Amino acid sequence: MSEPAAALYAVVSGDRLKLLMERTGTGDGVTSRELAEAAGVAHGTIGALMSGAQRVVPEHKAKAIAARLGVDLLVLFIPMERAGRTLVPAQQVVA
């Protein structure tokens, strides 16, 4: 049996990510490099999420980013499900 594919999460918006980085849950700001290091992701990933060049990350990365920012996962990310080759928000999937 193959393992299920990792759950994917799409960032709500690069602007929201930038805003949350300016004022984290503790009230302090965090740079993209600091966020990347604390969340254990590549610095380029944070930059790509902010610019919109990348929208989707695996669940473990989304959770790590949200945790470092001190916010609930769903404040910053939308759970995604695969529908063929297209990623659609999970709440919009029709059975």
PDB file of N, CA and C in Angstrom:
ATOM      1  N   MET A   1       0.829  -1.192   0.000  1.00  0.00           N
ATOM      2  CA  MET A   1       0.000   0.000   0.000  1.00  0.00           C
ATOM      3  C   MET A   1       0.866   1.245   0.000  1.00  0.00           C
ATOM      4  N   SER A   2       0.469   2.210  -0.774  1.00  0.00           N
ATOM      5  CA  SER A   2       1.223   3.456  -0.791  1.00  0.00           C
ATOM      6  C   SER A   2       0.698   4.390   0.288  1.00  0.00           C
ATOM      7  N   GLU A   3       1.584   5.244   0.760  1.00  0.00           N
ATOM      8  CA  GLU A   3       1.183   6.213   1.779  1.00  0.00           C
ATOM      9  C   GLU A   3       0.349   7.300   1.146  1.00  0.00           C
ATOM     10  N   PRO A   4      -0.624   7.830   1.895  1.00  0.00           N
ATOM     11  CA  PRO A   4      -1.423   8.924   1.336  1.00  0.00           C
ATOM     12  C   PRO A   4      -0.554  10.154   1.111  1.00  0.00           C
ATOM     13  N   ALA A   5      -0.900  10.920   0.097  1.00  0.00           N
ATOM     14  CA  ALA A   5      -0.159  12.146  -0.198  1.00  0.00           C
ATOM     15  C   ALA A   5      -0.301  13.117   0.965  1.00  0.00           C
ATOM     16  N   ALA A   6       0.751  13.879   1.216  1.00  0.00           N
ATOM     17  CA  ALA A   6       0.721  14.864   2.297  1.00  0.00           C
ATOM     18  C   ALA A   6      -0.350  15.907   2.010  1.00  0.00           C
ATOM     19  N   ALA A   7      -1.043  16.320   3.058  1.00  0.00           N
ATOM     20  CA  ALA A   7      -2.045  17.372   2.914  1.00  0.00           C
ATOM     21  C   ALA A   7      -1.340  18.665   2.521  1.00  0.00           C
ATOM     22  N   LEU A   8      -1.984  19.430   1.668  1.00  0.00           N
ATOM     23  CA  LEU A   8      -1.419  20.694   1.203  1.00  0.00           C
ATOM     24  C   LEU A   8      -2.273  21.851   1.697  1.00  0.00           C
ATOM     25  N   TYR A   9      -1.610  22.975   1.927  1.00  0.00           N
ATOM     26  CA  TYR A   9      -2.286  24.183   2.391  1.00  0.00           C
ATOM     27  C   TYR A   9      -1.856  25.350   1.531  1.00  0.00           C
ATOM     28  N   ALA A  10      -2.831  26.183   1.141  1.00  0.00           N
ATOM     29  CA  ALA A  10      -2.549  27.377   0.341  1.00  0.00           C
ATOM     30  C   ALA A  10      -2.590  28.595   1.247  1.00  0.00           C
ATOM     31  N   VAL A  11      -1.632  29.483   1.064  1.00  0.00           N
ATOM     32  CA  VAL A  11      -1.602  30.719   1.839  1.00  0.00           C
ATOM     33  C   VAL A  11      -2.783  31.578   1.398  1.00  0.00           C
ATOM     34  N   VAL A  12      -3.482  32.171   2.368  1.00  0.00           N
ATOM     35  CA  VAL A  12      -4.641  33.013   2.064  1.00  0.00           C
ATOM     36  C   VAL A  12      -4.221  34.158   1.155  1.00  0.00           C
ATOM     37  N   SER A  13      -3.164  34.865   1.532  1.00  0.00           N
ATOM     38  CA  SER A  13      -2.616  35.926   0.683  1.00  0.00           C
ATOM     39  C   SER A  13      -1.227  36.288   1.169  1.00  0.00           C
ATOM     40  N   GLY A  14      -0.408  36.733   0.234  1.00  0.00           N
ATOM     41  CA  GLY A  14       0.923  37.202   0.589  1.00  0.00           C
ATOM     42  C   GLY A  14       0.850  38.415   1.497  1.00  0.00           C
ATOM     43  N   ASP A  15      -0.150  39.259   1.278  1.00  0.00           N
ATOM     44  CA  ASP A  15      -0.313  40.451   2.117  1.00  0.00           C
ATOM     45  C   ASP A  15      -0.619  40.083   3.559  1.00  0.00           C
ATOM     46  N   ARG A  16      -1.441  39.053   3.752  1.00  0.00           N
ATOM     47  CA  ARG A  16      -1.743  38.631   5.127  1.00  0.00           C
ATOM     48  C   ARG A  16      -0.493  38.080   5.793  1.00  0.00           C
ATOM     49  N   LEU A  17       0.297  37.328   5.039  1.00  0.00           N
ATOM     50  CA  LEU A  17       1.548  36.810   5.588  1.00  0.00           C
ATOM     51  C   LEU A  17       2.454  37.963   6.007  1.00  0.00           C
ATOM     52  N   LYS A  18       2.596  38.964   5.147  1.00  0.00           N
ATOM     53  CA  LYS A  18       3.433  40.126   5.470  1.00  0.00           C
ATOM     54  C   LYS A  18       2.923  40.837   6.721  1.00  0.00           C
ATOM     55  N   LEU A  19       1.607  41.013   6.816  1.00  0.00           N
ATOM     56  CA  LEU A  19       1.016  41.676   7.972  1.00  0.00           C
ATOM     57  C   LEU A  19       1.294  40.896   9.255  1.00  0.00           C
ATOM     58  N   LEU A  20       1.135  39.595   9.196  1.00  0.00           N
ATOM     59  CA  LEU A  20       1.373  38.763  10.384  1.00  0.00           C
ATOM     60  C   LEU A  20       2.850  38.736  10.760  1.00  0.00           C
ATOM     61  N   MET A  21       3.730  38.906   9.782  1.00  0.00           N
ATOM     62  CA  MET A  21       5.152  38.971  10.072  1.00  0.00           C
ATOM     63  C   MET A  21       5.510  40.295  10.756  1.00  0.00           C
ATOM     64  N   GLU A  22       4.792  41.358  10.414  1.00  0.00           N
ATOM     65  CA  GLU A  22       5.049  42.653  11.037  1.00  0.00           C
ATOM     66  C   GLU A  22       4.649  42.655  12.506  1.00  0.00           C
ATOM     67  N   ARG A  23       3.593  41.921  12.816  1.00  0.00           N
ATOM     68  CA  ARG A  23       3.140  41.847  14.200  1.00  0.00           C
ATOM     69  C   ARG A  23       2.686  40.415  14.471  1.00  0.00           C
ATOM     70  N   THR A  24       3.573  39.625  15.034  1.00  0.00           N
ATOM     71  CA  THR A  24       3.270  38.226  15.340  1.00  0.00           C
ATOM     72  C   THR A  24       2.348  38.153  16.551  1.00  0.00           C
ATOM     73  N   GLY A  25       2.005  36.951  16.954  1.00  0.00           N
ATOM     74  CA  GLY A  25       1.146  36.751  18.115  1.00  0.00           C
ATOM     75  C   GLY A  25       1.724  37.333  19.394  1.00  0.00           C
ATOM     76  N   THR A  26       3.031  37.509  19.447  1.00  0.00           N
ATOM     77  CA  THR A  26       3.674  38.096  20.629  1.00  0.00           C
ATOM     78  C   THR A  26       3.782  39.611  20.513  1.00  0.00           C
ATOM     79  N   GLY A  27       3.415  40.158  19.339  1.00  0.00           N
ATOM     80  CA  GLY A  27       3.501  41.593  19.125  1.00  0.00           C
ATOM     81  C   GLY A  27       4.797  42.033  18.486  1.00  0.00           C
ATOM     82  N   ASP A  28       5.759  41.135  18.390  1.00  0.00           N
ATOM     83  CA  ASP A  28       7.050  41.447  17.770  1.00  0.00           C
ATOM     84  C   ASP A  28       7.000  41.143  16.277  1.00  0.00           C
ATOM     85  N   GLY A  29       7.849  41.810  15.527  1.00  0.00           N
ATOM     86  CA  GLY A  29       7.978  41.518  14.111  1.00  0.00           C
ATOM     87  C   GLY A  29       8.997  40.420  13.884  1.00  0.00           C
ATOM     88  N   VAL A  30       8.942  39.822  12.704  1.00  0.00           N
ATOM     89  CA  VAL A  30       9.890  38.785  12.338  1.00  0.00           C
ATOM     90  C   VAL A  30      10.241  38.996  10.862  1.00  0.00           C
ATOM     91  N   THR A  31      11.517  38.840  10.528  1.00  0.00           N
ATOM     92  CA  THR A  31      11.937  38.961   9.131  1.00  0.00           C
ATOM     93  C   THR A  31      11.671  37.640   8.415  1.00  0.00           C
ATOM     94  N   SER A  32      11.732  37.686   7.091  1.00  0.00           N
ATOM     95  CA  SER A  32      11.508  36.458   6.331  1.00  0.00           C
ATOM     96  C   SER A  32      12.586  35.422   6.643  1.00  0.00           C
ATOM     97  N   ARG A  33      13.811  35.875   6.847  1.00  0.00           N
ATOM     98  CA  ARG A  33      14.890  34.930   7.201  1.00  0.00           C
ATOM     99  C   ARG A  33      14.661  34.312   8.577  1.00  0.00           C
ATOM    100  N   GLU A  34      14.249  35.132   9.535  1.00  0.00           N
ATOM    101  CA  GLU A  34      13.977  34.618  10.883  1.00  0.00           C
ATOM    102  C   GLU A  34      12.816  33.630  10.860  1.00  0.00           C
ATOM    103  N   LEU A  35      11.786  33.961  10.100  1.00  0.00           N
ATOM    104  CA  LEU A  35      10.627  33.071   9.998  1.00  0.00           C
ATOM    105  C   LEU A  35      11.028  31.753   9.357  1.00  0.00           C
ATOM    106  N   ALA A  36      11.776  31.825   8.278  1.00  0.00           N
ATOM    107  CA  ALA A  36      12.214  30.612   7.590  1.00  0.00           C
ATOM    108  C   ALA A  36      13.042  29.724   8.517  1.00  0.00           C
ATOM    109  N   GLU A  37      13.977  30.319   9.229  1.00  0.00           N
ATOM    110  CA  GLU A  37      14.821  29.540  10.132  1.00  0.00           C
ATOM    111  C   GLU A  37      14.004  28.913  11.256  1.00  0.00           C
ATOM    112  N   ALA A  38      13.126  29.691  11.870  1.00  0.00           N
ATOM    113  CA  ALA A  38      12.333  29.190  12.987  1.00  0.00           C
ATOM    114  C   ALA A  38      11.347  28.102  12.549  1.00  0.00           C
ATOM    115  N   ALA A  39      10.827  28.234  11.337  1.00  0.00           N
ATOM    116  CA  ALA A  39       9.843  27.268  10.843  1.00  0.00           C
ATOM    117  C   ALA A  39      10.494  26.079  10.140  1.00  0.00           C
ATOM    118  N   GLY A  40      11.806  26.155   9.919  1.00  0.00           N
ATOM    119  CA  GLY A  40      12.509  25.058   9.268  1.00  0.00           C
ATOM    120  C   GLY A  40      12.195  24.934   7.782  1.00  0.00           C
ATOM    121  N   VAL A  41      11.972  26.075   7.139  1.00  0.00           N
ATOM    122  CA  VAL A  41      11.707  26.077   5.699  1.00  0.00           C
ATOM    123  C   VAL A  41      12.759  26.937   5.004  1.00  0.00           C
ATOM    124  N   ALA A  42      12.852  26.800   3.702  1.00  0.00           N
ATOM    125  CA  ALA A  42      13.810  27.597   2.941  1.00  0.00           C
ATOM    126  C   ALA A  42      13.380  29.063   2.927  1.00  0.00           C
ATOM    127  N   HIS A  43      14.365  29.942   2.982  1.00  0.00           N
ATOM    128  CA  HIS A  43      14.082  31.373   2.924  1.00  0.00           C
ATOM    129  C   HIS A  43      13.315  31.712   1.646  1.00  0.00           C
ATOM    130  N   GLY A  44      13.659  31.065   0.564  1.00  0.00           N
ATOM    131  CA  GLY A  44      12.979  31.290  -0.707  1.00  0.00           C
ATOM    132  C   GLY A  44      11.503  30.943  -0.670  1.00  0.00           C
ATOM    133  N   THR A  45      11.151  29.964   0.148  1.00  0.00           N
ATOM    134  CA  THR A  45       9.740  29.587   0.288  1.00  0.00           C
ATOM    135  C   THR A  45       8.943  30.735   0.884  1.00  0.00           C
ATOM    136  N   ILE A  46       9.475  31.368   1.908  1.00  0.00           N
ATOM    137  CA  ILE A  46       8.779  32.493   2.540  1.00  0.00           C
ATOM    138  C   ILE A  46       8.636  33.635   1.540  1.00  0.00           C
ATOM    139  N   GLY A  47       9.709  33.952   0.824  1.00  0.00           N
ATOM    140  CA  GLY A  47       9.651  35.006  -0.179  1.00  0.00           C
ATOM    141  C   GLY A  47       8.641  34.706  -1.269  1.00  0.00           C
ATOM    142  N   ALA A  48       8.595  33.455  -1.717  1.00  0.00           N
ATOM    143  CA  ALA A  48       7.661  33.063  -2.768  1.00  0.00           C
ATOM    144  C   ALA A  48       6.214  33.131  -2.281  1.00  0.00           C
ATOM    145  N   LEU A  49       5.976  32.773  -1.021  1.00  0.00           N
ATOM    146  CA  LEU A  49       4.625  32.875  -0.461  1.00  0.00           C
ATOM    147  C   LEU A  49       4.193  34.341  -0.359  1.00  0.00           C
ATOM    148  N   MET A  50       5.119  35.206   0.025  1.00  0.00           N
ATOM    149  CA  MET A  50       4.799  36.632   0.146  1.00  0.00           C
ATOM    150  C   MET A  50       4.513  37.257  -1.217  1.00  0.00           C
ATOM    151  N   SER A  51       5.264  36.861  -2.230  1.00  0.00           N
ATOM    152  CA  SER A  51       5.119  37.475  -3.558  1.00  0.00           C
ATOM    153  C   SER A  51       3.993  36.868  -4.382  1.00  0.00           C
ATOM    154  N   GLY A  52       3.526  35.697  -3.981  1.00  0.00           N
ATOM    155  CA  GLY A  52       2.498  35.019  -4.759  1.00  0.00           C
ATOM    156  C   GLY A  52       3.061  34.056  -5.790  1.00  0.00           C
ATOM    157  N   ALA A  53       4.388  33.960  -5.878  1.00  0.00           N
ATOM    158  CA  ALA A  53       5.009  33.028  -6.815  1.00  0.00           C
ATOM    159  C   ALA A  53       4.729  31.583  -6.417  1.00  0.00           C
ATOM    160  N   GLN A  54       4.484  31.359  -5.134  1.00  0.00           N
ATOM    161  CA  GLN A  54       4.130  30.041  -4.605  1.00  0.00           C
ATOM    162  C   GLN A  54       2.931  30.230  -3.690  1.00  0.00           C
ATOM    163  N   ARG A  55       1.928  29.379  -3.824  1.00  0.00           N
ATOM    164  CA  ARG A  55       0.743  29.485  -2.967  1.00  0.00           C
ATOM    165  C   ARG A  55       0.610  28.312  -2.013  1.00  0.00           C
ATOM    166  N   VAL A  56       1.148  27.163  -2.383  1.00  0.00           N
ATOM    167  CA  VAL A  56       0.860  25.929  -1.654  1.00  0.00           C
ATOM    168  C   VAL A  56       2.119  25.362  -1.002  1.00  0.00           C
ATOM    169  N   VAL A  57       1.953  24.896   0.244  1.00  0.00           N
ATOM    170  CA  VAL A  57       3.023  24.209   0.966  1.00  0.00           C
ATOM    171  C   VAL A  57       2.432  22.974   1.650  1.00  0.00           C
ATOM    172  N   PRO A  58       3.278  21.993   1.952  1.00  0.00           N
ATOM    173  CA  PRO A  58       2.806  20.830   2.702  1.00  0.00           C
ATOM    174  C   PRO A  58       2.343  21.240   4.106  1.00  0.00           C
ATOM    175  N   GLU A  59       1.494  20.410   4.675  1.00  0.00           N
ATOM    176  CA  GLU A  59       0.898  20.698   5.976  1.00  0.00           C
ATOM    177  C   GLU A  59       1.939  21.002   7.053  1.00  0.00           C
ATOM    178  N   HIS A  60       3.020  20.234   7.119  1.00  0.00           N
ATOM    179  CA  HIS A  60       4.003  20.442   8.186  1.00  0.00           C
ATOM    180  C   HIS A  60       4.665  21.822   8.080  1.00  0.00           C
ATOM    181  N   LYS A  61       4.865  22.300   6.859  1.00  0.00           N
ATOM    182  CA  LYS A  61       5.453  23.630   6.690  1.00  0.00           C
ATOM    183  C   LYS A  61       4.447  24.712   7.059  1.00  0.00           C
ATOM    184  N   ALA A  62       3.199  24.540   6.651  1.00  0.00           N
ATOM    185  CA  ALA A  62       2.154  25.508   6.989  1.00  0.00           C
ATOM    186  C   ALA A  62       2.001  25.616   8.507  1.00  0.00           C
ATOM    187  N   LYS A  63       1.993  24.474   9.175  1.00  0.00           N
ATOM    188  CA  LYS A  63       1.860  24.477  10.644  1.00  0.00           C
ATOM    189  C   LYS A  63       3.053  25.147  11.309  1.00  0.00           C
ATOM    190  N   ALA A  64       4.243  24.904  10.799  1.00  0.00           N
ATOM    191  CA  ALA A  64       5.446  25.500  11.386  1.00  0.00           C
ATOM    192  C   ALA A  64       5.453  27.021  11.200  1.00  0.00           C
ATOM    193  N   ILE A  65       5.041  27.484  10.033  1.00  0.00           N
ATOM    194  CA  ILE A  65       4.991  28.926   9.773  1.00  0.00           C
ATOM    195  C   ILE A  65       3.961  29.582  10.681  1.00  0.00           C
ATOM    196  N   ALA A  66       2.765  29.014  10.740  1.00  0.00           N
ATOM    197  CA  ALA A  66       1.705  29.573  11.585  1.00  0.00           C
ATOM    198  C   ALA A  66       2.120  29.568  13.057  1.00  0.00           C
ATOM    199  N   ALA A  67       2.754  28.491  13.497  1.00  0.00           N
ATOM    200  CA  ALA A  67       3.183  28.397  14.896  1.00  0.00           C
ATOM    201  C   ALA A  67       4.196  29.486  15.229  1.00  0.00           C
ATOM    202  N   ARG A  68       5.159  29.727  14.336  1.00  0.00           N
ATOM    203  CA  ARG A  68       6.154  30.770  14.597  1.00  0.00           C
ATOM    204  C   ARG A  68       5.522  32.151  14.641  1.00  0.00           C
ATOM    205  N   LEU A  69       4.492  32.351  13.821  1.00  0.00           N
ATOM    206  CA  LEU A  69       3.804  33.639  13.805  1.00  0.00           C
ATOM    207  C   LEU A  69       2.823  33.778  14.974  1.00  0.00           C
ATOM    208  N   GLY A  70       2.557  32.669  15.657  1.00  0.00           N
ATOM    209  CA  GLY A  70       1.669  32.712  16.818  1.00  0.00           C
ATOM    210  C   GLY A  70       0.205  32.848  16.449  1.00  0.00           C
ATOM    211  N   VAL A  71      -0.170  32.275  15.287  1.00  0.00           N
ATOM    212  CA  VAL A  71      -1.563  32.330  14.855  1.00  0.00           C
ATOM    213  C   VAL A  71      -2.074  30.928  14.561  1.00  0.00           C
ATOM    214  N   ASP A  72      -3.386  30.785  14.569  1.00  0.00           N
ATOM    215  CA  ASP A  72      -4.005  29.524  14.201  1.00  0.00           C
ATOM    216  C   ASP A  72      -3.713  29.238  12.733  1.00  0.00           C
ATOM    217  N   LEU A  73      -3.524  27.991  12.399  1.00  0.00           N
ATOM    218  CA  LEU A  73      -3.215  27.576  11.027  1.00  0.00           C
ATOM    219  C   LEU A  73      -4.194  28.172  10.015  1.00  0.00           C
ATOM    220  N   LEU A  74      -5.489  28.162  10.348  1.00  0.00           N
ATOM    221  CA  LEU A  74      -6.504  28.602   9.388  1.00  0.00           C
ATOM    222  C   LEU A  74      -6.621  30.116   9.265  1.00  0.00           C
ATOM    223  N   VAL A  75      -5.876  30.859  10.068  1.00  0.00           N
ATOM    224  CA  VAL A  75      -5.816  32.310   9.900  1.00  0.00           C
ATOM    225  C   VAL A  75      -5.000  32.645   8.657  1.00  0.00           C
ATOM    226  N   LEU A  76      -4.024  31.823   8.360  1.00  0.00           N
ATOM    227  CA  LEU A  76      -3.091  32.094   7.267  1.00  0.00           C
ATOM    228  C   LEU A  76      -3.210  31.142   6.091  1.00  0.00           C
ATOM    229  N   PHE A  77      -3.703  29.941   6.311  1.00  0.00           N
ATOM    230  CA  PHE A  77      -3.728  28.918   5.262  1.00  0.00           C
ATOM    231  C   PHE A  77      -5.117  28.316   5.074  1.00  0.00           C
ATOM    232  N   ILE A  78      -5.375  27.863   3.838  1.00  0.00           N
ATOM    233  CA  ILE A  78      -6.603  27.169   3.471  1.00  0.00           C
ATOM    234  C   ILE A  78      -6.235  25.732   3.132  1.00  0.00           C
ATOM    235  N   PRO A  79      -6.890  24.739   3.753  1.00  0.00           N
ATOM    236  CA  PRO A  79      -6.595  23.349   3.390  1.00  0.00           C
ATOM    237  C   PRO A  79      -7.008  23.077   1.950  1.00  0.00           C
ATOM    238  N   MET A  80      -6.193  22.312   1.241  1.00  0.00           N
ATOM    239  CA  MET A  80      -6.443  22.013  -0.165  1.00  0.00           C
ATOM    240  C   MET A  80      -6.634  20.512  -0.336  1.00  0.00           C
ATOM    241  N   GLU A  81      -7.385  20.145  -1.368  1.00  0.00           N
ATOM    242  CA  GLU A  81      -7.540  18.741  -1.732  1.00  0.00           C
ATOM    243  C   GLU A  81      -7.276  18.614  -3.212  1.00  0.00           C
ATOM    244  N   ARG A  82      -6.781  17.479  -3.608  1.00  0.00           N
ATOM    245  CA  ARG A  82      -6.516  17.259  -5.031  1.00  0.00           C
ATOM    246  C   ARG A  82      -7.808  16.846  -5.732  1.00  0.00           C
ATOM    247  N   ALA A  83      -8.050  17.449  -6.849  1.00  0.00           N
ATOM    248  CA  ALA A  83      -9.170  17.072  -7.712  1.00  0.00           C
ATOM    249  C   ALA A  83      -8.557  16.860  -9.090  1.00  0.00           C
ATOM    250  N   GLY A  84      -8.143  15.640  -9.352  1.00  0.00           N
ATOM    251  CA  GLY A  84      -7.388  15.386 -10.570  1.00  0.00           C
ATOM    252  C   GLY A  84      -6.038  16.047 -10.420  1.00  0.00           C
ATOM    253  N   ARG A  85      -5.708  16.953 -11.323  1.00  0.00           N
ATOM    254  CA  ARG A  85      -4.442  17.660 -11.241  1.00  0.00           C
ATOM    255  C   ARG A  85      -4.606  19.042 -10.641  1.00  0.00           C
ATOM    256  N   THR A  86      -5.826  19.467 -10.420  1.00  0.00           N
ATOM    257  CA  THR A  86      -6.083  20.818  -9.945  1.00  0.00           C
ATOM    258  C   THR A  86      -6.237  20.830  -8.436  1.00  0.00           C
ATOM    259  N   LEU A  87      -5.668  21.819  -7.803  1.00  0.00           N
ATOM    260  CA  LEU A  87      -5.855  21.982  -6.368  1.00  0.00           C
ATOM    261  C   LEU A  87      -7.012  22.934  -6.143  1.00  0.00           C
ATOM    262  N   VAL A  88      -7.951  22.512  -5.329  1.00  0.00           N
ATOM    263  CA  VAL A  88      -9.103  23.350  -5.013  1.00  0.00           C
ATOM    264  C   VAL A  88      -9.242  23.450  -3.504  1.00  0.00           C
ATOM    265  N   PRO A  89      -9.744  24.557  -2.980  1.00  0.00           N
ATOM    266  CA  PRO A  89      -9.954  24.632  -1.528  1.00  0.00           C
ATOM    267  C   PRO A  89     -10.855  23.501  -1.069  1.00  0.00           C
ATOM    268  N   ALA A  90     -10.506  22.875   0.033  1.00  0.00           N
ATOM    269  CA  ALA A  90     -11.236  21.712   0.538  1.00  0.00           C
ATOM    270  C   ALA A  90     -12.710  22.014   0.771  1.00  0.00           C
ATOM    271  N   GLN A  91     -13.024  23.200   1.262  1.00  0.00           N
ATOM    272  CA  GLN A  91     -14.419  23.512   1.568  1.00  0.00           C
ATOM    273  C   GLN A  91     -15.259  23.693   0.311  1.00  0.00           C
ATOM    274  N   GLN A  92     -14.642  23.758  -0.870  1.00  0.00           N
ATOM    275  CA  GLN A  92     -15.389  23.927  -2.103  1.00  0.00           C
ATOM    276  C   GLN A  92     -15.546  22.619  -2.871  1.00  0.00           C
ATOM    277  N   VAL A  93     -15.004  21.531  -2.343  1.00  0.00           N
ATOM    278  CA  VAL A  93     -15.086  20.242  -3.024  1.00  0.00           C
ATOM    279  C   VAL A  93     -16.516  19.734  -2.924  1.00  0.00           C
ATOM    280  N   VAL A  94     -17.090  19.339  -4.060  1.00  0.00           N
ATOM    281  CA  VAL A  94     -18.444  18.800  -4.098  1.00  0.00           C
ATOM    282  C   VAL A  94     -18.364  17.319  -4.385  1.00  0.00           C
ATOM    283  N   ALA A  95     -19.024  16.533  -3.544  1.00  0.00           N
ATOM    284  CA  ALA A  95     -18.961  15.076  -3.704  1.00  0.00           C
ATOM    285  C   ALA A  95     -19.885  14.595  -4.791  1.00  0.00           C
TER     286      ALA A  95
END
